[in-house]
Amino acid sequence: MAVSKNAADAEAVCPYRLVLEHVTSRWGVLVLIELLERPYRFSELRRAISGLGGRTVSEKMLTQTLQTLERDGLVHRDAKPVIPPRVDYSLTGLGREAAEQVRSLAQWTHDRMPAVAKARQAYDEAREIQSRAS
């Protein structure tokens, strides 16, 4: 995967933030969580991820996400020299650690969503009252 000059600059300035962005990206989170269960072939992974978020991940975006996570040492790509070609994706040890952290955050979000919804409603109502008073 070619790294653009801007990505290389960002990596040099703050490599931690860049890895965090990869791990917590829209598709990165879903890839990591799904690969915790088992290795997947590309098409299987695409179907599994699309079933989770309600939106379909494009082949291009899934490819980019997998390449990025592979470059970061989180995903292992195993290409078998058979016809037709078979490529399996799995987590590395480092990837498993990251995926477990992301899964915990996703679970927290799921568990605490009612409290978040209540806070949002209170915020919106307060803003509406302020808006009318102005």
Protein backbone atom coordinates (compact mmCIF):
# COMPACT_ATOMS: atom_id res chain seq x y z
CA MET A 1 0.00 0.00 0.00
CA ALA A 2 1.43 3.32 -0.99
CA VAL A 3 1.43 5.95 1.71
CA SER A 4 0.63 9.46 0.58
CA LYS A 5 2.90 12.32 1.61
CA ASN A 6 0.15 13.76 3.83
CA ALA A 7 -0.35 10.40 5.60
CA ALA A 8 3.39 10.05 6.06
CA ASP A 9 3.55 13.58 7.52
CA ALA A 10 0.67 12.84 9.89
CA GLU A 11 2.33 9.61 10.93
CA ALA A 12 5.60 11.41 11.69
CA VAL A 13 3.88 14.14 13.71
CA CYS A 14 1.51 11.99 15.78
CA PRO A 15 1.69 8.24 15.10
CA TYR A 16 -0.50 7.43 18.12
CA ARG A 17 -3.42 9.47 16.86
CA LEU A 18 -3.15 7.90 13.42
CA VAL A 19 -3.34 4.36 14.83
CA LEU A 20 -6.26 5.42 17.02
CA GLU A 21 -8.03 6.76 13.93
CA HIS A 22 -7.47 3.45 12.13
CA VAL A 23 -8.74 1.36 15.03
CA THR A 24 -11.78 3.55 15.71
CA SER A 25 -12.77 4.33 12.13
CA ARG A 26 -16.29 3.43 11.00
CA TRP A 27 -15.19 0.23 9.27
CA GLY A 28 -12.09 -0.45 11.35
CA VAL A 29 -14.18 -1.01 14.48
CA LEU A 30 -16.47 -3.45 12.70
CA VAL A 31 -13.58 -5.34 11.05
CA LEU A 32 -11.78 -5.77 14.35
CA ILE A 33 -14.88 -6.88 16.25
CA GLU A 34 -15.92 -9.31 13.54
CA LEU A 35 -12.43 -10.84 13.24
CA LEU A 36 -12.48 -11.55 16.99
CA GLU A 37 -14.91 -14.36 16.23
CA ARG A 38 -12.85 -16.16 13.57
CA PRO A 39 -10.83 -15.67 10.36
CA TYR A 40 -12.84 -14.58 7.33
CA ARG A 41 -12.48 -14.56 3.58
CA PHE A 42 -12.95 -11.12 2.02
CA SER A 43 -16.53 -11.64 0.76
CA GLU A 44 -17.63 -13.28 4.01
CA LEU A 45 -16.21 -10.40 6.01
CA ARG A 46 -17.90 -7.86 3.77
CA ARG A 47 -21.28 -9.53 4.22
CA ALA A 48 -20.81 -9.89 7.99
CA ILE A 49 -19.83 -6.24 8.43
CA SER A 50 -22.63 -4.98 6.19
CA GLY A 51 -25.10 -6.94 8.31
CA LEU A 52 -23.90 -5.22 11.50
CA GLY A 53 -24.07 -1.56 10.70
CA GLY A 54 -27.05 -1.40 8.41
CA ARG A 55 -24.84 0.12 5.70
CA THR A 56 -22.93 -1.79 3.07
CA VAL A 57 -19.18 -1.37 3.04
CA SER A 58 -17.80 -1.01 -0.49
CA GLU A 59 -15.11 -3.40 -1.71
CA LYS A 60 -12.75 -0.46 -2.07
CA MET A 61 -13.31 0.78 1.49
CA LEU A 62 -13.00 -2.69 2.99
CA THR A 63 -9.78 -3.28 1.03
CA GLN A 64 -8.35 0.04 2.25
CA THR A 65 -9.38 -0.69 5.83
CA LEU A 66 -7.84 -4.17 5.77
CA GLN A 67 -4.61 -2.86 4.21
CA THR A 68 -4.35 -0.11 6.82
CA LEU A 69 -4.95 -2.52 9.71
CA GLU A 70 -2.50 -4.98 8.16
CA ARG A 71 0.14 -2.26 7.88
CA ASP A 72 -0.42 -1.38 11.55
CA GLY A 73 0.19 -5.03 12.47
CA LEU A 74 -3.37 -5.71 13.58
CA VAL A 75 -4.62 -7.91 10.75
CA HIS A 76 -2.90 -10.86 9.08
CA ARG A 77 -3.57 -11.52 5.39
CA ASP A 78 -3.03 -15.15 4.38
CA ALA A 79 -3.05 -15.57 0.59
CA LYS A 80 -3.08 -19.22 -0.45
CA PRO A 81 -1.67 -20.04 -3.89
CA VAL A 82 -4.67 -21.99 -5.16
CA ILE A 83 -7.09 -21.56 -8.03
CA PRO A 84 -9.33 -19.73 -7.48
CA PRO A 85 -7.22 -17.58 -5.15
CA ARG A 86 -8.11 -17.80 -1.47
CA VAL A 87 -7.29 -15.04 0.97
CA ASP A 88 -8.13 -15.26 4.66
CA TYR A 89 -7.98 -12.40 7.14
CA SER A 90 -7.40 -12.86 10.87
CA LEU A 91 -6.23 -10.85 13.83
CA THR A 92 -2.65 -10.81 15.02
CA GLY A 93 -1.97 -10.85 18.75
CA LEU A 94 -1.75 -7.07 18.67
CA GLY A 95 -4.99 -6.93 16.67
CA ARG A 96 -6.75 -9.15 19.20
CA GLU A 97 -5.74 -6.77 22.01
CA ALA A 98 -7.05 -3.77 20.06
CA ALA A 99 -10.25 -5.59 19.06
CA GLU A 100 -11.03 -6.50 22.66
CA GLN A 101 -10.63 -2.86 23.68
CA VAL A 102 -12.83 -1.66 20.83
CA ARG A 103 -15.43 -4.31 21.59
CA SER A 104 -15.55 -3.12 25.22
CA LEU A 105 -16.15 0.44 24.05
CA ALA A 106 -18.83 -0.73 21.61
CA GLN A 107 -20.53 -2.69 24.40
CA TRP A 108 -20.38 0.33 26.71
CA THR A 109 -21.99 2.44 23.97
CA HIS A 110 -24.74 -0.15 23.53
CA ASP A 111 -25.36 -0.42 27.28
CA ARG A 112 -25.33 3.34 27.92
CA MET A 113 -27.32 4.46 24.86
CA PRO A 114 -30.50 5.15 26.88
CA ALA A 115 -28.54 7.56 29.11
CA VAL A 116 -27.00 9.21 26.06
CA ALA A 117 -30.42 9.57 24.42
CA LYS A 118 -31.80 11.14 27.60
CA ALA A 119 -28.88 13.58 27.79
CA ARG A 120 -29.33 14.52 24.14
CA GLN A 121 -33.02 15.16 24.65
CA ALA A 122 -32.35 17.36 27.69
CA TYR A 123 -29.68 19.27 25.78
CA ASP A 124 -31.94 19.80 22.76
CA GLU A 125 -34.82 20.96 24.94
CA ALA A 126 -32.58 23.42 26.81
CA ARG A 127 -31.23 24.79 23.52
CA GLU A 128 -34.76 25.18 22.18
CA ILE A 129 -35.78 27.14 25.29
CA GLN A 130 -32.69 29.36 24.96
CA SER A 131 -33.42 29.88 21.29
CA ARG A 132 -36.98 31.04 22.00
CA ALA A 133 -35.79 33.38 24.75
CA SER A 134 -33.31 35.11 22.47
